[in-house]
Structure formats: structure tokens, C-alpha cells
Amino acid sequence: MRRVFRIPGGGRPADRALDDELRFHLDGRVEELMQAEGLSRDEAEREARRRFGDYEAYRRQARAIDDDMLRRRNRMEMFDAIARETRHAARSLGRAPSFSLIAALTLALGLGAATTIFTLLDRVVIRPLPYPHADRLVHLGTLWPKVKEGEEYMLSRGQYFYFKKNSRVLADIAMYDEDMLVVPGDASHPAERVPEVDVSASVFRLLGIRPELGRAISEDDERLPNGDPHYALISHGYWLRRFGGDPHIVGKRLMTGDTTTLEIIGVLPAGATIPDVKADVWIREHLNPDDPPVNNHTHPAIGLIKPGITVAAALADIKLVQQRMQEEYPTVYRKAFLDRSGFAMNVTSLRDHVVGASIVRRLWLIFGAVAFVLLIAAANVANLFLVRIDARRREVAVRTALGADRAHMAIHYLTESILLAVAAGIAAIAIAAILLHVVLAIAPQTLPRLAEVAVDSRGVAFCLGSALAFGIVLGVLPLGAAKLDVSSLRDGGRGLTSSKSRETARRGLVLAQVALAVVLLAGAGLMAESFAKLRRVHPGFDPSGVETMSIILPRGYRVPQQAETFWHSFITRVGAIPGVVHAGAVDQLPLSGGWGCSGLTVDVTNSLGESGNCMPMGVITPGYLETMGIKFQGTAPTWESLEARTAPTVVTTAFAKRFWEDRSALGHIVKPFNATNAFPVVAVTEDLRSNGLQNPPIQEVLLPMLGTAASPDWNVGSDLTLVVKAPGVSTSALVPAIRAMLAQVEPKAIVADVQPMELVVAKSMAQTSFTMLLMLIAAAIALALSAVGIYGVIAYVVGQRRSEIGIRIALGAQLGAVTRLVVGQSLAIVAAGVALGIVCALAGTRLLRSLLFDVSPSDPFVLAATALVLLVVAVLASAAPARRAAKIDPVEAMRE
């Protein structure tokens, strides 16, 4: 760079000039003293220096003035040069619109794609959560590895108080629970289900949330009787939507059922949320330190660790505190439970918990893919610049011959490339804004922090910074050629040939493009194959033609028999709607979210010594198995058997194999929650993949709405999801008919979450399909850019070899031979690129391993298909140059 810009080396000529000037003045004064006062030279020298004062200080002062003037002059010259060269660069780019437009658009496309994914990555993964002390917030949970490896359960209320009192690293702790609230309709609003969250009073302190109106929940509110929250805060959005932003909302009441109301004590500020929870109504969590601790770990918890404490130190402390709690409450944490579950504490960064390792990995991989696209785009632009260097050799030679030095040429090239790159960057910001809307539209709604994603100053800085970096790199490229080339001035430069080094560089860039495209195509191919295999997985039910909707009953249906009577009547009427084949209900749809577990026992002990464990449980009504098309052995539950209090229970094959192993589970007993609930197994379903198509079949128990006569307290199933099999009826016709039927049976019931079962299945694969789609888009762009790069290089080579090809044709070369020559050159470059790309893909695609389903990262079919696609693209891209080569007139070519 010193050579390029001719930066001065060591030594300071200005110092010598300054010394000479000061010496000149001193010598003059010495001569005057010698003549006027008759002093000797030495005496005159001493006297002159005495009268002159501090020589070194004056010298430094004069030197500083000189340096300042020099800097100002250089700065002005630099600004003048940049302004002049910028104007010249703008005119030069304007005279080559094809080059300028193609180069800017190519770079803008790559930058726009990279900025889009960077914005998503930055908001979701990189940035801290939007809370004060976000770096000190941690998630607390419990691990039960012997029950379910890899799954995490939450905290108990007893742990909340014990940790709060005894932990040395926690500054505070908060607890919350999500729920849904039913708000009846009024004259202005329909009845609705409103997301609600129960929070401890400490949530507001810990997350730094201060109500916009009214007050927050207090510790006294926490002690209110369980089941009577009494007070509520509402979100800013709900305040505007439901109450029109009423400034006197505090003190008014919110109806939440037939007769229950909550006093509104405050309005939350806009954007106030708990991590990964969206709620419009916040009520207090029932927390009473006088309540005895119980082994019920169902409450999410957030901790604020003290300054300077690491997550690892917090985990170590919490483990010790939990150990003391287990020793202090041996009846709560019995040894048998601890041995059976492998119970352990878990503390992680709250941001890592909210985002999740899988999402982080997916977003970084997608960002890597678009980074490849950006590099391919930059390689194409670099190729265009190399071609432009050859085209401008005569212009450069003329400017050099007229006195333009290397620094001026460097400024010229840099201003031209940076001007083009900045224009591309500005266009890229617009492209990113558009692409981001598309990405957010197709992104799975389970992706955290989506509401925060928008192109902002960081995204703009990333885009313009990247554009500037590419502009500098592209501007440095021509500097190697910025020397006087006398041959280009002879005879107008006709017949100039490209240098070997630049031709090699062009081919190298195309080879690198192809290699990067192979990696991208292989990754996209693996994701596509994985997604295809996932779609072919049989979930254990048939979602086609099944419509689902949540039915929320008024509080009066909390009595089990009443709820059963309603569902029996309602489902029977729905089944009578023309076109309906089957109807039933379930408390949680398969593939609709996380599955917890509850304790149960069975009437046998398996070979592992198990006679029970914490297992997933669901509640179904008669007709559910038939509606979902679930195959089973045994007898399906009926309304008659339910009302006869036989408690017909269904288990999945995976559950039956775990406990009864090779024996039949039919007729055996399961005891959910406690021994009084002894329910007979009447049917065993085929394997169900309710917790994800990529996961093993679920070991689940499907319980009845009514228990046996010996279990009168059995109370489940008031709020269920209706499932209706009506393949010949459209949703627009079916749903109104069901609503009308529901209004006849229970006018106060609410219908919500209407969606076809096929959509539920699709949502369960949303993250995989999202990753696959973005990878495919990136691969398609990379393929197109690679094709353009191959075409450009081959077309240029054909142009350079016109005379040679003309001579070959004149000597009798056939058109086929010429075509093979051109296409062969293209295939040679691409084959080398494919070979290099496959090597890179074998290493790089291993990063996809955790995202793939039943596909090897080195799948030979995918790699072979990728290579074939690139070779076909190479042939197609070189077809046009080959045709032009075959049509070269030998006479004209030899005259050139």
C-alpha cells in the first residue's frame, strides 16, 4: 500500500529545510554582531543564541506550524482529488451503463439477501433481550433425564420461596404461568379468548416494567386465596382495542366468565412482555410462603443473578441450595422419586432459553448460505471489473503517460468502485426491506422475537459497511495494472490481448463461484430431501378433511357430569350435520405444542422394574379415534361406556410396549394421578407421533372425561378441541353450521382457533420448511449468478480467441469441433469447481446434521445430483458463446 499510494518513507526533508532557515538567520545575526560590536565568531555565536532565546522551542514551534500547513494543504489536495475523481468516476460509469447497471444490481442482490438475514439474525439471536440487566437474567428449570432425556420441566412454588431465601447468587426471582381467559361479549365486542399470564409481583422489578397507568401487582396480592386473583393489569394493545384507550380505565372491572370480574389496577406500557409469552391480561400468581412445598414443577421461573456472577456459578449455587431443600423436605423429594427421575437443576441464560439452540443453529446456517450468495455476487462483479480493466488499458496508459501517478490512479479506481458499491448498498437496503417482509410472512410463528424484527440502523450499517468493503477490494484490483503499458499506445491498441494473470484470475473466480454454488446446492438439496422424508412420515392419524376448533364452556360446566352431558349432546348434533362423517373432541391436538407429563402407575412391573412414571396424558371423547382416523386394537370408547362409569382408557402402542412389553395391554389397569383412579385399557392405538414427526412415537395415555364411580373427583375436559371429519364440506359452510349448533346447546360457549388439521401438521414442520425454503432460494440465486459468471468468462474467452478460431475454421475445423472446444473449456472450469465444491460440501454439510431427518449429510444422491445440475448449467451457459464461435467468419477474424 505504501508503494501504491507513495507514502513518504523515513527521514524528514522539512526538518533539514527548517534547520537551514534558522541557521541562515543565526549566521546573519552573528555577522552583524561581529561587525557592529567587534566580537569574535564564538562570542558572536553565543550572544546571537542568547538573544535568539530557546532555539529548540522555536524550532519545534516552527516545525508544528509547518506540519499543520502541510496537513491542511494535503487535505485540501486530497479533497480536491477525491471530488474531481468522483465526478470523473460518475461520468465514466455513466458512459458504461451496461457495466454499471449489471455490476450494481448483482452486488445489490447479494447485499440485500445478506442484510435481510443479518437483520433477522441480529434481532433474534445477537441482540440482548429488551430488559434492563438482560445479561444477568437466567432461566431456571429442572431436568428429569431418566423420565425424558433432553426435556426440561419447571419449578415448584416451594422452590421459588426456598431459592429466594437461601440462594447467595440470585438477586431476585420471578415466576409466571400462561393461561387463556374467556371474556364475554358486550354491545361493542364479541366474546373472545384472551391470552393471560399469572405473574409474581417480582416480575415487574426483575424485568423493569412500570405500568403506564395505575399500579403493579404487589406481594400482598400474591397472598390472595388461590382461585381468586381479584386484580388485573391489561396490555397497552388490549387497552386500546377493547377499551378505546379509556384514560379512566383504572378501577373498572373486566368480566371473565358468567359472574367473575377482575378489577383493572393498571395498564402496561407498549411492548411490555415476558420472554416468549404474549398476554393481554396479567393477574397475580398465587404465592403464599406459608403454603407447604409440594413436588409439582409446573411454573416457569426467571432469575436475576447478582453482578459478576456467571451462569455456571449460579447453576452450582442452585444445585447446592436444591440439595439442602431435598434434605430439609424428604417427604417432598423422596429418594425413590429422585432415583427414578434423575432429578437435577438447570440454569441457563434467559436469552439462550428463549431463542433455543436449534433456532440459533438454523439462522446462522441460513446467514452462512446468503454470505455465500454475496461472495458469488462479488466474484461476478470482480470478473466484470477485470474485463473493464482490459477494456480501459489504453485510457490508463494515456493518463499515466500524461503524468497521472499511482496515487491519482488509486484514488480514481477507488472512487469509481466505492461509488458503484455505495449505489449498490442503497439499492440493497430497499431490497432487504422487501425481502424481510417476505421472510417474516413465511417464518414460523414459533420463531421468538419476530415482532422486533425490522431493518434498522444496525442493518443499514451492516449493508453499507459491507458495500464499502467490497468497493475497496474492487478498487484495489486494477492497481496492479496501473502502470504505463506502451504497447497499448501503439496503433491505437488494436489487437490487445488480456494478460495471463487476469485471465487466470477470471477463471479462478468462476471456479470459486461454482464451488460455493455446489456447497449451497448440496445444503439445499439435503434440506429438501429431509423435508420430503418428514412429510412422508405417517403421524398415526389422517388429517385430511378434519376441521378443528376450541370450544370454551362457561364456568358452570366445571362439574364433570355437566361437561360430559354437554359434549355428548353437542357432538351428537354436530355428527348429524349433513356431510359430517365423524366428530369427537380432545384436550390437546397432536403436533400442537409441548407435551408435559403427570405421574401414573400401571398394574404390572416391566423388565426394567418400572410400574409407572411421569407420562404424557390426554383426554378424549368418544368419536375422537374415528374422526382422526387412528387405527386401534380393542374397543373404542362410547358414550354409553363413559356414562356407565367404566372409564374406558386408550393407550398408544409405544406406551403399551414400555410397560406390558410383549403382552397385550387390553384389560389391564392404569392409575393416573393416584390409586383411586383405576381405569381399564380398552384400546391400543397404532404409534402416534403427537410430539413431532421427527420424534419417536409418543408413550401416551388417552383418558376419559368421566372416571369410575370410585373416582368421583375426576374432573377433566371442560375446555376441549372439537374435531370434525367432513371431507365433502368446505370450512366456510361447516364452521357456521357448527356455531349455530353450539348456540342451540350452549349460547355462552365460545368458538376459537378454527383451523384444519392439515394446517396443524404443516405448522409442526414450519421450522424445517422455513429453513429449506430459504436455503433453496439462496441456492437458486447462487446457481443463477454462477451461470452468469460462466457465461461471462466463456464469452470473453471466445472474444479473445476470435482470430485463433477463425484460423482453425479456415484450416478446415468443423463447426462441431469448434463448439466442443468452447463447451469443453467451460466444462473444464466447472468440473474443477464441482470437485472442489464437493470436498467443501462434505465438510460443510456436517453442520446440517442436527437439522436433517433420516438423511446423511454426505448423501451420495444429493451430491451427484448437485454435480449434474452444475454441469448442465455450464453447458447451457456456454451454449451461446459456442454458437457465436461457430459462426466466426475466418476472413474477418484474421483481419482484426
Foldseek 3Di string as FASTA:
>chain_A
DCVLQVPDDDDDVVLVVLVVVVVVVLVVQLVCCCVVVVDDSVVSSVVSDVVVDDPVVVSVVVVVVVVVVVVVVVVVVVVVLLVVLLVVLVVVCVVVVVLLVLLLQLLLVLLLLLLLLVLVCCQQPVDFDPFVLLQQKKWKWKAQCLFPNPDTFAAFLQLQVLCQPDFPWFPHKKWKDKDWFWFPADPVGHIDIFIEMAIAQCVCVVRVWAFPDFGTDDNVLLQPDPPCLQAKEFEPVCCCVVVVVPPPQQQDWTDGFDPDIHGYGGYTYPPDDDQPGDGGMYTHHNHDNVDDIAQDGHIIMMTGTDPPDDQVNSQVRSQVSVVVVCVVCCVRVPPVNCVNRVMGMDMGNPSCVRQDPVNSLLSVVLSVLSVLSSLLSLLLSLLSLLVVLQVCLLVLQVVVVVPQGSSSLLSSLLSSLLVSLQSSLVSSLVSNQVVSVVLLVLAFPSRTPSVVRGCDPVSSCSSSVVSSVSSNVSSVVSSVSNDNDVCCVPPVNPLDFRDPVSLVSLLVSLLQLLLSLLLLLLLLLQLVVQVVVLVVQDQQFAQFQKKKWKKAAGPVCQQLVSLLVLQVVLQVVLCPPPQWPFKWWKADFFLQDDFWFAWKFWPAADPVRGRIDTFGEMEIEFRPCVLRVWDKPFDTDDSVCVVQQLWEKEWEPVQCCVGVNPDDQAQIWMGTPDDLQTHGHGIYTYFHNRNASLDGGGGYMHTYSGHHPSCSVRGDDNIIMMMTRRNPDDPVVSVVVSLVSCCVSHVRMDIGDIDRVVVSNCSSCSVSVSSSVSSVVSSVSSLVSSLVSLLVSLLVVLVSCLQVLLVCVVVPDALVVLLCVSLVVLLVSSVSSLVSSLVVQVVPLVSCVVVGGPADSNHVVSSVVSSVVSSVSSSVSRVVSSVVSSPRNSVVSNVD
